[in-house]
N, C-alpha and C. Protein backbone atom coordinates (compact mmCIF):
# COMPACT_ATOMS: atom_id res chain seq x y z
N MET A 1 24.47 -5.01 23.16
CA MET A 1 24.54 -5.49 21.70
C MET A 1 25.08 -4.09 20.78
N ALA A 2 25.79 -4.20 20.14
CA ALA A 2 25.94 -2.74 19.52
C ALA A 2 25.25 -2.74 18.20
N LYS A 3 24.71 -1.54 17.98
CA LYS A 3 24.14 -0.80 16.98
C LYS A 3 24.34 -1.04 15.34
N ALA A 4 23.37 -1.16 14.65
CA ALA A 4 23.44 -1.86 13.82
C ALA A 4 23.96 -0.71 12.74
N PRO A 5 25.04 -0.35 11.93
CA PRO A 5 25.04 0.54 11.09
C PRO A 5 24.21 1.67 10.45
N ARG A 6 24.08 3.16 10.68
CA ARG A 6 23.00 3.47 9.56
C ARG A 6 23.78 3.77 8.01
N VAL A 7 22.75 2.91 7.49
CA VAL A 7 22.98 2.85 5.94
C VAL A 7 22.27 3.93 5.06
N LYS A 8 23.05 4.70 4.63
CA LYS A 8 22.67 5.93 3.52
C LYS A 8 22.06 5.51 2.27
N ALA A 9 20.42 5.45 2.28
CA ALA A 9 19.85 5.14 0.85
C ALA A 9 20.18 5.64 -0.33
N GLN A 10 20.54 5.07 -1.21
CA GLN A 10 20.66 5.91 -2.44
C GLN A 10 19.78 5.66 -3.51
N MET A 11 19.30 7.19 -4.01
CA MET A 11 18.15 7.01 -5.26
C MET A 11 18.60 6.15 -6.73
N ILE A 12 17.73 5.57 -7.00
CA ILE A 12 18.04 4.94 -8.48
C ILE A 12 17.77 6.03 -9.38
N LYS A 13 19.02 6.75 -10.42
CA LYS A 13 18.73 7.59 -10.90
C LYS A 13 17.50 7.12 -12.39
N THR A 14 16.93 7.95 -12.47
CA THR A 14 16.22 7.42 -13.74
C THR A 14 16.55 8.23 -15.18
N LYS A 15 16.68 8.22 -16.24
CA LYS A 15 17.26 8.86 -17.64
C LYS A 15 16.20 9.67 -18.17
N GLY A 16 16.57 11.07 -18.76
CA GLY A 16 15.84 11.94 -19.49
C GLY A 16 15.81 13.50 -18.69
N ALA A 17 16.77 13.66 -19.47
CA ALA A 17 16.25 15.41 -18.53
C ALA A 17 15.27 16.15 -18.07
N ASN A 18 14.14 15.33 -19.13
CA ASN A 18 12.59 16.25 -18.30
C ASN A 18 12.29 15.01 -16.99
N ASP A 19 12.92 14.57 -16.72
CA ASP A 19 12.36 13.29 -16.18
C ASP A 19 12.47 13.52 -14.71
N LYS A 20 13.01 14.53 -14.23
CA LYS A 20 12.70 14.68 -13.08
C LYS A 20 11.70 14.53 -12.00
N GLN A 21 11.70 13.67 -10.79
CA GLN A 21 10.69 12.91 -10.22
C GLN A 21 10.49 13.48 -8.70
N PRO A 22 9.77 13.92 -7.95
CA PRO A 22 9.59 13.92 -6.64
C PRO A 22 10.11 13.12 -5.91
N ARG A 23 10.64 13.42 -4.60
CA ARG A 23 11.30 12.40 -3.79
C ARG A 23 10.69 12.60 -2.45
N PHE A 24 10.09 11.46 -2.13
CA PHE A 24 9.82 11.59 -0.12
C PHE A 24 10.43 10.22 0.42
N HIS A 25 10.01 9.94 1.51
CA HIS A 25 11.19 9.27 2.27
C HIS A 25 9.71 8.34 3.17
N ILE A 26 10.61 7.13 3.30
CA ILE A 26 10.14 5.84 4.63
C ILE A 26 10.33 6.71 5.54
N GLN A 27 9.01 6.48 6.41
CA GLN A 27 8.92 7.75 7.78
C GLN A 27 9.54 6.66 9.09
N SER A 28 9.54 5.67 9.02
CA SER A 28 9.62 4.77 10.22
C SER A 28 10.21 3.51 10.09
N GLY A 29 10.91 3.15 10.90
CA GLY A 29 11.14 1.21 10.81
C GLY A 29 12.63 1.38 10.42
N VAL A 30 12.97 0.16 9.99
CA VAL A 30 13.98 -0.09 9.70
C VAL A 30 14.89 0.65 8.39
N LEU A 31 13.84 0.77 7.31
CA LEU A 31 14.10 1.67 6.41
C LEU A 31 14.13 3.10 6.49
N LYS A 32 13.77 3.99 7.77
CA LYS A 32 13.62 4.78 7.84
C LYS A 32 14.33 5.83 7.21
N HIS A 33 14.13 6.78 6.08
CA HIS A 33 14.90 7.41 5.77
C HIS A 33 15.00 7.43 4.32
N LEU A 34 14.86 6.37 4.21
CA LEU A 34 14.64 5.53 2.54
C LEU A 34 14.06 6.41 2.01
N LYS A 35 14.75 7.02 1.00
CA LYS A 35 14.10 8.08 -0.18
C LYS A 35 13.41 6.77 -1.35
N LEU A 36 11.98 7.43 -1.83
CA LEU A 36 11.65 6.86 -2.94
C LEU A 36 11.46 8.03 -3.88
N ILE A 37 10.51 7.63 -4.85
CA ILE A 37 10.30 8.28 -6.09
C ILE A 37 8.98 8.19 -6.91
N TRP A 38 8.45 9.08 -7.38
CA TRP A 38 7.20 8.82 -8.09
C TRP A 38 7.17 9.67 -9.31
N ASN A 39 5.98 9.35 -10.08
CA ASN A 39 5.95 9.80 -11.42
C ASN A 39 4.89 11.02 -11.32
N ALA A 40 5.25 12.53 -10.95
CA ALA A 40 3.94 13.44 -10.97
C ALA A 40 3.20 13.44 -12.00
N LYS A 41 3.87 13.19 -13.01
CA LYS A 41 2.63 12.89 -14.49
C LYS A 41 1.51 12.03 -14.37
N SER A 42 2.24 10.78 -13.40
CA SER A 42 0.92 9.65 -13.63
C SER A 42 -0.15 9.90 -13.00
N SER A 43 -1.33 8.90 -13.07
CA SER A 43 -2.26 8.81 -12.42
C SER A 43 -2.63 8.38 -11.11
N THR A 44 -1.41 7.85 -10.62
CA THR A 44 -1.53 7.44 -9.40
C THR A 44 -0.75 8.47 -8.46
N ARG A 45 -1.02 8.30 -7.12
CA ARG A 45 -0.40 9.48 -6.23
C ARG A 45 0.36 8.45 -5.03
N PRO A 46 0.96 9.19 -4.66
CA PRO A 46 1.26 8.61 -3.30
C PRO A 46 0.56 9.00 -2.24
N THR A 47 0.43 8.58 -1.06
CA THR A 47 -0.38 8.65 0.10
C THR A 47 -0.01 9.75 1.03
N LYS A 48 -0.45 10.99 1.29
CA LYS A 48 0.23 12.09 1.62
C LYS A 48 0.59 11.32 3.26
N SER A 49 1.72 12.43 3.63
CA SER A 49 2.80 11.75 4.70
C SER A 49 1.62 11.97 6.45
N ILE A 50 0.55 12.87 6.13
CA ILE A 50 -0.14 12.78 7.53
C ILE A 50 -1.09 11.72 7.46
N VAL A 51 -1.46 11.32 6.16
CA VAL A 51 -2.35 10.08 6.11
C VAL A 51 -1.77 8.97 6.44
N LYS A 52 -0.29 8.46 5.76
CA LYS A 52 0.33 7.57 6.20
C LYS A 52 0.62 7.36 7.78
N GLU A 53 1.28 8.45 8.23
CA GLU A 53 1.41 8.70 9.42
C GLU A 53 0.18 7.96 10.72
N SER A 54 -0.87 8.56 10.28
CA SER A 54 -2.04 8.33 10.50
C SER A 54 -2.41 6.40 10.74
N PHE A 55 -2.17 6.36 9.80
CA PHE A 55 -2.47 4.81 9.14
C PHE A 55 -1.87 3.93 10.12
N PHE A 56 -0.32 4.29 10.04
CA PHE A 56 0.70 3.24 10.34
C PHE A 56 0.20 3.52 12.43
N ASN A 57 -0.10 4.57 12.68
CA ASN A 57 0.05 4.77 14.09
C ASN A 57 -1.21 3.82 14.36
N THR A 58 -2.34 3.63 13.80
CA THR A 58 -3.39 2.91 13.77
C THR A 58 -3.21 1.51 14.07
N MET A 59 -2.53 1.04 12.63
CA MET A 59 -2.68 -0.76 12.82
C MET A 59 -0.77 -1.04 13.22
N LYS A 60 -0.20 -0.32 13.95
CA LYS A 60 1.26 -0.82 14.41
C LYS A 60 1.43 -2.00 14.97
N SER A 61 0.23 -2.40 15.50
CA SER A 61 0.45 -3.39 16.50
C SER A 61 -0.04 -4.49 15.28
N GLU A 62 -0.76 -4.50 14.42
CA GLU A 62 -1.08 -5.71 13.36
C GLU A 62 -0.36 -5.34 12.16
N ILE A 63 0.49 -4.24 12.22
CA ILE A 63 1.42 -4.68 10.80
C ILE A 63 2.54 -5.66 11.09
N ILE A 64 2.77 -5.89 12.50
CA ILE A 64 4.12 -7.21 12.51
C ILE A 64 3.22 -8.23 12.09
N ASP A 65 4.74 -8.97 11.07
CA ASP A 65 4.17 -10.20 10.73
C ASP A 65 3.09 -10.32 10.01
N CYS A 66 2.59 -9.60 9.43
CA CYS A 66 1.30 -9.61 8.43
C CYS A 66 1.74 -9.47 6.99
N VAL A 67 0.67 -9.85 6.60
CA VAL A 67 0.74 -10.08 4.88
C VAL A 67 0.35 -8.90 4.40
N PHE A 68 1.15 -7.84 3.83
CA PHE A 68 0.19 -6.14 3.46
C PHE A 68 0.16 -5.95 2.19
N ILE A 69 -1.32 -6.23 1.67
CA ILE A 69 -1.56 -5.78 0.19
C ILE A 69 -2.35 -4.65 -0.65
N GLU A 70 -1.61 -4.34 -1.32
CA GLU A 70 -2.03 -2.84 -1.89
C GLU A 70 -2.73 -3.05 -3.18
N GLY A 71 -3.98 -3.00 -3.41
CA GLY A 71 -4.52 -3.32 -4.68
C GLY A 71 -4.19 -2.20 -5.62
N PHE A 72 -3.88 -1.28 -5.20
CA PHE A 72 -3.44 -0.33 -6.06
C PHE A 72 -1.85 0.35 -5.65
N GLY A 73 -0.83 -0.36 -6.04
CA GLY A 73 0.27 0.07 -5.55
C GLY A 73 1.14 1.08 -5.92
N GLY A 74 0.44 1.98 -6.72
CA GLY A 74 1.43 3.32 -7.49
C GLY A 74 2.67 3.03 -6.95
N CYS A 75 3.62 3.77 -6.45
CA CYS A 75 4.91 3.67 -6.08
C CYS A 75 5.60 3.07 -5.01
N GLY A 76 4.47 2.37 -4.36
CA GLY A 76 4.75 1.64 -3.35
C GLY A 76 4.99 2.15 -1.95
N SER A 77 4.37 3.10 -1.72
CA SER A 77 5.07 3.84 -0.39
C SER A 77 4.89 2.73 0.82
N MET A 78 3.08 2.39 1.00
CA MET A 78 2.57 2.12 2.15
C MET A 78 2.88 0.51 2.14
N GLY A 79 3.47 -0.62 1.26
CA GLY A 79 3.84 -1.27 1.44
C GLY A 79 5.23 -1.52 1.86
N ILE A 80 5.87 -0.38 1.32
CA ILE A 80 7.35 -0.76 1.72
C ILE A 80 7.46 0.09 2.98
N GLU A 81 6.63 0.85 3.41
CA GLU A 81 6.41 1.44 4.96
C GLU A 81 5.79 0.05 5.64
N ALA A 82 5.31 -0.44 5.49
CA ALA A 82 4.74 -1.69 5.85
C ALA A 82 5.93 -2.68 6.50
N LEU A 83 6.80 -2.94 5.21
CA LEU A 83 7.62 -4.05 5.68
C LEU A 83 8.77 -3.22 6.63
N SER A 84 8.97 -2.28 6.36
CA SER A 84 10.18 -1.65 7.11
C SER A 84 9.34 -1.32 8.70
N LEU A 85 8.44 -1.78 9.01
CA LEU A 85 7.69 -1.55 10.29
C LEU A 85 7.77 -3.41 10.85
N GLY A 86 7.96 -4.30 9.89
CA GLY A 86 7.76 -5.86 10.42
C GLY A 86 6.83 -6.56 9.82
N ALA A 87 6.00 -5.93 8.59
CA ALA A 87 5.24 -6.68 7.81
C ALA A 87 6.36 -8.10 7.23
N SER A 88 5.63 -9.27 6.86
CA SER A 88 6.69 -10.22 6.75
C SER A 88 6.63 -10.68 5.55
N GLU A 89 5.70 -9.57 4.57
CA GLU A 89 5.37 -9.69 2.88
C GLU A 89 4.38 -8.74 3.02
N ALA A 90 4.71 -8.32 1.58
CA ALA A 90 4.06 -7.11 1.07
C ALA A 90 3.71 -7.62 -0.57
N VAL A 91 2.49 -7.56 -0.97
CA VAL A 91 2.13 -7.31 -2.60
C VAL A 91 1.53 -6.62 -3.03
N PHE A 92 1.61 -6.08 -4.01
CA PHE A 92 1.88 -4.79 -4.77
C PHE A 92 1.09 -5.30 -5.96
N TYR A 93 -0.23 -4.93 -6.49
CA TYR A 93 -1.04 -4.76 -7.74
C TYR A 93 -1.08 -3.30 -8.57
N GLU A 94 -0.17 -3.10 -9.47
CA GLU A 94 -0.60 -1.60 -10.51
C GLU A 94 -0.88 -2.50 -11.87
N ILE A 95 -1.83 -1.19 -12.26
CA ILE A 95 -1.80 -1.66 -13.81
C ILE A 95 -1.47 -0.95 -14.56
N ASP A 96 -0.84 0.43 -13.98
CA ASP A 96 -0.29 1.37 -14.78
C ASP A 96 1.51 0.91 -15.16
N THR A 97 1.79 0.89 -16.24
CA THR A 97 3.01 0.32 -17.05
C THR A 97 4.21 1.05 -16.53
N GLU A 98 3.99 2.82 -16.61
CA GLU A 98 5.03 3.53 -15.80
C GLU A 98 5.16 3.50 -14.55
N ALA A 99 4.11 3.49 -13.89
CA ALA A 99 3.97 3.23 -12.24
C ALA A 99 4.65 2.31 -11.70
N TYR A 100 4.31 1.13 -12.47
CA TYR A 100 4.76 -0.47 -12.08
C TYR A 100 6.41 -0.02 -11.90
N LYS A 101 6.56 0.40 -13.20
CA LYS A 101 8.20 0.36 -13.24
C LYS A 101 8.83 1.28 -12.07
N ILE A 102 8.28 2.53 -11.88
CA ILE A 102 9.03 2.85 -10.61
C ILE A 102 8.58 2.22 -9.29
N LEU A 103 7.80 1.30 -9.30
CA LEU A 103 7.23 0.80 -8.39
C LEU A 103 8.22 -0.45 -7.65
N CYS A 104 8.75 -0.81 -8.85
CA CYS A 104 9.72 -1.99 -8.96
C CYS A 104 11.19 -1.44 -8.66
N GLN A 105 11.22 -0.16 -9.24
CA GLN A 105 12.69 0.57 -8.73
C GLN A 105 12.68 0.77 -6.99
N ASN A 106 11.66 1.28 -6.78
CA ASN A 106 11.76 1.62 -5.17
C ASN A 106 12.00 0.32 -4.68
N LEU A 107 11.19 -0.73 -4.98
CA LEU A 107 11.29 -2.09 -4.13
C LEU A 107 12.74 -2.69 -4.37
N ALA A 108 13.43 -2.44 -5.34
CA ALA A 108 14.83 -2.74 -5.60
C ALA A 108 16.00 -1.90 -4.84
N ASN A 109 15.42 -0.66 -4.71
CA ASN A 109 16.45 0.02 -3.70
C ASN A 109 16.44 -0.34 -2.22
N ALA A 110 14.71 -0.40 -1.81
CA ALA A 110 14.62 -1.10 -0.47
C ALA A 110 15.22 -2.37 -0.09
N LYS A 111 15.14 -2.94 -1.19
CA LYS A 111 16.04 -4.48 -1.03
C LYS A 111 17.34 -4.35 -0.69
N ASN A 112 18.09 -3.59 -1.58
CA ASN A 112 19.41 -3.29 -0.99
C ASN A 112 19.79 -2.99 -0.14
N VAL A 113 19.07 -1.78 0.29
CA VAL A 113 19.22 -1.08 1.81
C VAL A 113 19.28 -2.17 2.90
N ALA A 114 18.05 -2.36 2.44
CA ALA A 114 17.59 -3.91 3.84
C ALA A 114 18.93 -4.63 3.96
N GLN A 115 19.26 -5.25 3.09
CA GLN A 115 20.37 -6.48 2.60
C GLN A 115 21.57 -5.98 3.46
N LYS A 116 22.14 -4.50 3.52
CA LYS A 116 23.19 -3.87 4.24
C LYS A 116 22.82 -3.94 5.37
N LEU A 117 21.67 -4.17 5.89
CA LEU A 117 21.22 -3.79 7.40
C LEU A 117 21.03 -4.72 7.74
N GLY A 118 21.36 -6.49 6.96
CA GLY A 118 20.80 -7.57 7.66
C GLY A 118 19.57 -8.19 7.33
N LYS A 119 18.68 -7.74 6.86
CA LYS A 119 17.50 -7.80 6.71
C LYS A 119 16.92 -8.03 5.33
N ILE A 120 15.92 -9.62 5.18
CA ILE A 120 15.41 -9.94 4.18
C ILE A 120 14.15 -9.33 3.83
N LEU A 121 13.94 -8.68 2.50
CA LEU A 121 12.34 -8.31 2.53
C LEU A 121 11.95 -9.28 1.52
N LYS A 122 10.52 -9.60 1.92
CA LYS A 122 9.90 -10.27 0.74
C LYS A 122 8.54 -9.71 0.09
N PHE A 123 8.48 -9.98 -0.91
CA PHE A 123 7.63 -8.91 -1.60
C PHE A 123 7.36 -9.67 -2.90
N SER A 124 6.13 -9.39 -3.47
CA SER A 124 5.96 -9.75 -4.60
C SER A 124 4.82 -8.44 -5.47
N THR A 125 4.97 -8.60 -6.87
CA THR A 125 4.62 -7.50 -7.78
C THR A 125 3.77 -8.01 -9.00
N PHE A 126 2.79 -7.57 -9.15
CA PHE A 126 1.98 -8.16 -10.35
C PHE A 126 1.60 -6.61 -10.92
N ASN A 127 1.92 -6.83 -12.43
CA ASN A 127 1.56 -5.40 -13.32
C ASN A 127 0.13 -5.84 -14.01
N ALA A 128 -0.84 -5.70 -13.18
CA ALA A 128 -2.12 -6.10 -13.34
C ALA A 128 -3.19 -5.18 -12.92
N ASP A 129 -4.20 -5.50 -13.16
CA ASP A 129 -5.62 -4.73 -12.98
C ASP A 129 -5.93 -5.75 -11.45
N PHE A 130 -6.08 -4.97 -10.59
CA PHE A 130 -6.70 -5.70 -9.15
C PHE A 130 -7.68 -6.43 -9.31
N PHE A 131 -8.91 -5.78 -10.21
CA PHE A 131 -10.18 -6.16 -10.38
C PHE A 131 -10.42 -7.58 -10.92
N SER A 132 -9.57 -7.89 -12.26
CA SER A 132 -9.53 -8.52 -12.59
C SER A 132 -8.58 -10.11 -12.43
N THR A 133 -8.09 -9.78 -11.11
CA THR A 133 -6.88 -10.68 -10.57
C THR A 133 -7.66 -11.61 -9.69
N ASP A 134 -7.37 -12.71 -9.71
CA ASP A 134 -8.23 -13.71 -8.71
C ASP A 134 -6.84 -14.22 -7.67
N ILE A 135 -6.96 -13.42 -6.94
CA ILE A 135 -6.11 -13.01 -5.41
C ILE A 135 -6.36 -14.63 -4.67
N PHE A 136 -6.94 -15.19 -4.81
CA PHE A 136 -7.48 -16.42 -4.15
C PHE A 136 -6.56 -17.49 -4.79
N THR A 137 -5.96 -17.43 -6.03
CA THR A 137 -5.06 -18.38 -6.29
C THR A 137 -3.70 -18.15 -5.64
N GLN A 138 -3.23 -17.04 -5.22
CA GLN A 138 -1.99 -16.54 -4.63
C GLN A 138 -2.34 -17.21 -3.06
N GLY A 139 -0.97 -18.31 -2.87
CA GLY A 139 -0.99 -18.59 -1.23
C GLY A 139 -1.20 -17.16 -0.16
N PHE A 140 -0.72 -16.41 -0.27
CA PHE A 140 -0.72 -15.16 0.67
C PHE A 140 -1.85 -14.91 1.14
N ILE A 141 -2.97 -15.15 0.41
CA ILE A 141 -4.20 -14.84 0.74
C ILE A 141 -4.69 -15.34 1.84
N HIS A 142 -4.19 -16.82 2.00
CA HIS A 142 -5.07 -17.47 3.32
C HIS A 142 -3.75 -17.42 4.37
N THR A 143 -3.02 -16.32 4.47
CA THR A 143 -2.40 -16.35 5.83
C THR A 143 -3.27 -16.15 6.93
N GLN A 144 -3.02 -16.01 8.32
CA GLN A 144 -3.90 -15.62 9.29
C GLN A 144 -3.90 -14.48 9.27
N LYS A 145 -3.21 -13.53 8.98
CA LYS A 145 -3.00 -11.98 9.45
C LYS A 145 -2.82 -11.39 7.87
N ALA A 146 -3.83 -10.79 7.23
CA ALA A 146 -3.52 -10.03 6.06
C ALA A 146 -4.18 -8.83 6.14
N ILE A 147 -3.80 -7.95 5.82
CA ILE A 147 -4.19 -6.40 5.59
C ILE A 147 -4.37 -5.90 4.51
N LEU A 148 -5.69 -5.33 3.61
CA LEU A 148 -6.05 -5.78 2.21
C LEU A 148 -6.18 -3.72 2.15
N TYR A 149 -5.29 -2.99 1.65
CA TYR A 149 -5.08 -2.00 1.55
C TYR A 149 -5.67 -1.06 0.22
N LEU A 150 -6.75 -0.21 -0.07
CA LEU A 150 -7.25 0.02 -0.94
C LEU A 150 -7.23 1.29 -1.26
N ASP A 151 -6.53 2.03 -2.24
CA ASP A 151 -6.01 3.26 -2.45
C ASP A 151 -6.72 3.77 -4.02
N PRO A 152 -7.47 3.40 -4.57
CA PRO A 152 -8.01 3.91 -5.74
C PRO A 152 -7.65 5.09 -6.14
N PRO A 153 -7.98 5.47 -7.67
CA PRO A 153 -7.88 6.87 -8.04
C PRO A 153 -9.37 7.36 -7.48
N PHE A 154 -9.24 8.92 -7.17
CA PHE A 154 -10.39 9.14 -6.71
C PHE A 154 -11.61 9.53 -7.79
N CYS A 155 -13.05 9.26 -7.07
CA CYS A 155 -13.85 8.95 -7.86
C CYS A 155 -14.30 9.89 -8.87
N ILE A 156 -13.72 10.97 -8.51
CA ILE A 156 -13.94 11.95 -9.20
C ILE A 156 -13.16 12.23 -10.70
N ARG A 157 -12.25 11.63 -10.89
CA ARG A 157 -11.37 11.35 -11.95
C ARG A 157 -12.13 10.54 -13.50
N GLN A 158 -12.17 11.28 -14.30
CA GLN A 158 -12.57 10.61 -15.73
C GLN A 158 -12.54 9.20 -15.61
N GLY A 159 -13.73 8.23 -15.86
CA GLY A 159 -13.85 7.05 -15.95
C GLY A 159 -13.63 6.26 -14.56
N MET A 160 -13.85 6.93 -13.86
CA MET A 160 -13.78 6.26 -12.32
C MET A 160 -14.85 6.49 -11.23
N GLN A 161 -15.77 6.84 -11.96
CA GLN A 161 -16.94 7.34 -11.43
C GLN A 161 -17.72 6.17 -10.12
N ASN A 162 -17.50 5.00 -11.07
CA ASN A 162 -17.88 3.78 -9.91
C ASN A 162 -17.08 2.93 -9.33
N ILE A 163 -15.71 3.44 -9.14
CA ILE A 163 -14.32 2.92 -8.82
C ILE A 163 -15.15 2.04 -7.33
N TYR A 164 -15.78 2.88 -6.34
CA TYR A 164 -15.71 2.65 -5.18
C TYR A 164 -16.51 1.45 -5.22
N GLU A 165 -17.95 1.40 -5.99
CA GLU A 165 -18.68 0.62 -5.90
C GLU A 165 -18.28 -0.94 -6.02
N ARG A 166 -17.73 -0.78 -7.18
CA ARG A 166 -16.79 -2.09 -7.66
C ARG A 166 -16.13 -2.44 -6.58
N LEU A 167 -15.38 -1.81 -5.80
CA LEU A 167 -14.51 -2.45 -4.62
C LEU A 167 -15.37 -2.91 -3.49
N PHE A 168 -16.80 -2.25 -3.36
CA PHE A 168 -17.62 -2.80 -2.65
C PHE A 168 -18.23 -3.86 -2.71
N ALA A 169 -18.15 -4.06 -4.33
CA ALA A 169 -18.93 -5.40 -4.78
C ALA A 169 -17.84 -6.49 -4.30
N LEU A 170 -16.41 -6.23 -4.78
CA LEU A 170 -15.38 -7.24 -4.66
C LEU A 170 -15.10 -7.50 -3.11
N VAL A 171 -15.38 -6.72 -2.06
CA VAL A 171 -14.99 -7.01 -0.82
C VAL A 171 -16.29 -7.72 -0.38
N ARG A 172 -17.59 -7.64 -1.01
CA ARG A 172 -18.59 -8.11 -0.57
C ARG A 172 -18.72 -9.82 -1.11
N ASN A 173 -17.99 -9.92 -1.86
CA ASN A 173 -17.81 -10.97 -2.69
C ASN A 173 -16.61 -12.24 -2.41
N LEU A 174 -15.76 -11.54 -1.32
CA LEU A 174 -14.38 -11.92 -0.60
C LEU A 174 -14.88 -13.45 -0.16
N LYS A 175 -14.37 -14.57 -0.32
CA LYS A 175 -14.68 -15.72 0.04
C LYS A 175 -13.50 -16.10 1.32
N PRO A 176 -14.18 -16.58 2.34
CA PRO A 176 -13.33 -16.74 3.74
C PRO A 176 -11.80 -17.08 3.38
N CYS A 177 -10.83 -15.67 4.04
CA CYS A 177 -9.76 -15.82 4.06
C CYS A 177 -8.96 -15.63 5.22
N GLY A 178 -7.93 -15.14 5.25
CA GLY A 178 -6.79 -14.40 6.26
C GLY A 178 -6.81 -13.00 6.41
N VAL A 179 -7.61 -12.11 5.50
CA VAL A 179 -7.90 -10.93 5.06
C VAL A 179 -8.79 -10.64 6.64
N ARG A 180 -7.81 -9.88 7.50
CA ARG A 180 -8.74 -9.48 9.08
C ARG A 180 -9.21 -8.10 8.83
N PHE A 181 -8.55 -6.99 7.89
CA PHE A 181 -8.32 -5.65 7.97
C PHE A 181 -8.81 -5.09 6.62
N ILE A 182 -9.22 -4.47 6.17
CA ILE A 182 -9.21 -3.58 5.05
C ILE A 182 -9.65 -2.46 5.24
N VAL A 183 -8.76 -1.43 4.56
CA VAL A 183 -8.90 -0.11 4.62
C VAL A 183 -8.82 0.73 3.62
N PHE A 184 -9.90 1.83 3.21
CA PHE A 184 -10.09 2.34 2.29
C PHE A 184 -9.45 3.63 2.05
N GLU A 185 -8.44 3.88 1.45
CA GLU A 185 -8.51 5.58 1.19
C GLU A 185 -9.45 6.04 0.27
N HIS A 186 -9.86 7.11 0.21
CA HIS A 186 -11.01 7.43 -0.50
C HIS A 186 -11.03 8.71 -0.40
N LEU A 187 -11.82 9.63 -1.46
CA LEU A 187 -12.33 10.73 -1.16
C LEU A 187 -13.20 11.32 -0.20
N SER A 188 -12.65 12.30 0.51
CA SER A 188 -13.74 12.40 1.74
C SER A 188 -15.20 13.34 1.44
N GLY A 189 -16.20 12.69 2.28
CA GLY A 189 -17.31 12.62 1.97
C GLY A 189 -18.27 11.85 1.03
N TYR A 190 -17.24 10.83 0.74
CA TYR A 190 -18.19 9.48 0.13
C TYR A 190 -19.07 8.93 0.88
N ASN A 191 -20.23 8.31 0.94
CA ASN A 191 -20.68 7.38 1.89
C ASN A 191 -20.09 6.01 1.87
N MET A 192 -19.59 5.74 2.72
CA MET A 192 -18.95 4.42 3.10
C MET A 192 -19.94 3.62 3.88
N PRO A 193 -20.67 2.60 3.23
CA PRO A 193 -21.33 1.27 3.58
C PRO A 193 -20.98 0.93 5.54
N GLU A 194 -21.68 0.87 6.19
CA GLU A 194 -21.43 0.34 7.54
C GLU A 194 -20.90 -1.49 7.30
N MET A 195 -21.41 -1.80 6.57
CA MET A 195 -20.97 -3.23 6.22
C MET A 195 -20.53 -3.79 4.46
N LEU A 196 -19.24 -4.43 4.83
CA LEU A 196 -18.97 -4.62 3.60
C LEU A 196 -19.17 -6.28 3.43
N GLY A 197 -20.48 -7.46 3.12
CA GLY A 197 -19.84 -8.90 2.99
C GLY A 197 -19.66 -9.11 4.91
N VAL A 198 -18.69 -9.55 5.31
CA VAL A 198 -18.53 -9.81 6.54
C VAL A 198 -17.34 -8.81 7.39
N TYR A 199 -17.64 -7.52 6.70
CA TYR A 199 -16.52 -6.66 7.09
C TYR A 199 -17.37 -5.59 7.65
N MET A 200 -16.89 -5.26 8.89
CA MET A 200 -17.67 -4.16 9.66
C MET A 200 -17.10 -3.04 9.56
N ARG A 201 -17.19 -1.69 9.32
CA ARG A 201 -17.08 -0.59 9.50
C ARG A 201 -16.70 -0.56 10.82
N TYR A 202 -15.47 0.42 11.12
CA TYR A 202 -14.91 0.37 12.48
C TYR A 202 -14.49 2.00 13.04
N LYS A 203 -13.82 2.34 12.32
CA LYS A 203 -13.29 3.71 12.27
C LYS A 203 -13.10 4.51 10.81
N MET A 204 -13.47 5.79 10.84
CA MET A 204 -13.05 6.69 10.03
C MET A 204 -12.26 7.83 10.11
N ARG A 205 -11.14 8.30 9.49
CA ARG A 205 -10.57 9.44 10.06
C ARG A 205 -9.96 10.28 8.60
N SER A 206 -10.60 11.76 8.78
CA SER A 206 -10.64 12.74 7.27
C SER A 206 -9.28 13.67 7.52
N PHE A 207 -8.87 13.60 6.79
CA PHE A 207 -7.36 14.70 6.38
C PHE A 207 -7.73 15.47 4.85
N GLY A 208 -8.21 16.49 5.33
CA GLY A 208 -8.85 17.39 4.21
C GLY A 208 -10.07 16.29 2.89
N LYS A 209 -9.05 16.48 1.88
CA LYS A 209 -9.69 15.49 0.72
C LYS A 209 -10.11 14.04 0.63
N SER A 210 -8.82 13.47 1.86
CA SER A 210 -8.77 12.48 1.81
C SER A 210 -9.30 11.58 3.21
N THR A 211 -10.08 10.12 3.40
CA THR A 211 -10.43 9.70 4.53
C THR A 211 -9.68 8.53 4.41
N LEU A 212 -9.55 8.00 5.69
CA LEU A 212 -9.52 6.67 5.83
C LEU A 212 -10.52 6.10 6.41
N THR A 213 -10.93 4.83 6.13
CA THR A 213 -12.32 4.20 6.73
C THR A 213 -12.12 2.58 7.00
N TYR A 214 -11.64 2.32 7.63
CA TYR A 214 -11.32 0.96 8.56
C TYR A 214 -12.53 -0.32 8.47
N TYR A 215 -12.39 -1.23 8.16
CA TYR A 215 -13.10 -2.49 8.26
C TYR A 215 -12.43 -3.45 8.98
N ILE A 216 -13.27 -4.30 9.57
CA ILE A 216 -12.74 -5.54 10.38
C ILE A 216 -13.59 -6.63 10.26
N ALA A 217 -12.78 -7.76 9.80
CA ALA A 217 -14.14 -9.00 9.63
C ALA A 217 -14.54 -9.34 10.96
N LYS A 218 -15.88 -9.75 10.97
CA LYS A 218 -16.71 -10.19 12.20
C LYS A 218 -16.18 -11.38 12.55
N ASP A 219 -16.14 -11.70 14.09
CA ASP A 219 -15.85 -13.00 14.42
C ASP A 219 -16.61 -13.87 14.26
């Protein structure tokens, strides 16, 4: 079988002489080398390459055909990487208006490149606060294979001191659903509970200031 031609991803240009935005790229899968943008002035931040690589190496077999949900979507790098690796759908929540615009730009670029490769990307975006959104009204939450990725602003930022406790309460109150894995990207050194409702902590991995903590639903 002949290999599909490699399509060079094109950056979406943004207006403004002072609007230069840092670029980085998708690391693996069908969209490998796809360039993304993010706003360095925003309160959101993309996941570091070493953290992202570790996560997808750990979860690679679980990503295929899953619904990947980002509670704090930012520029969309994690969800787009998941789509690149075979996730059936990605769902993004992002409350910040400027970050949401960039998220949509990155997804539009990814969609165009995927179409040239004969691939269809399925995704949903919400310019909304993840805490105030009833995700159980959405059909994707009832899938048999969903991964919830939570990368909130670090708790040391102003106004974010209780961000992790709020997320813990949200997870503890989750109704039975298709979310099998929940992964937190958080400030290293923070005391993460062993149990959150029906979810059990089973792995932690630290990378300087950032740590990934993995939870799995008990059978």
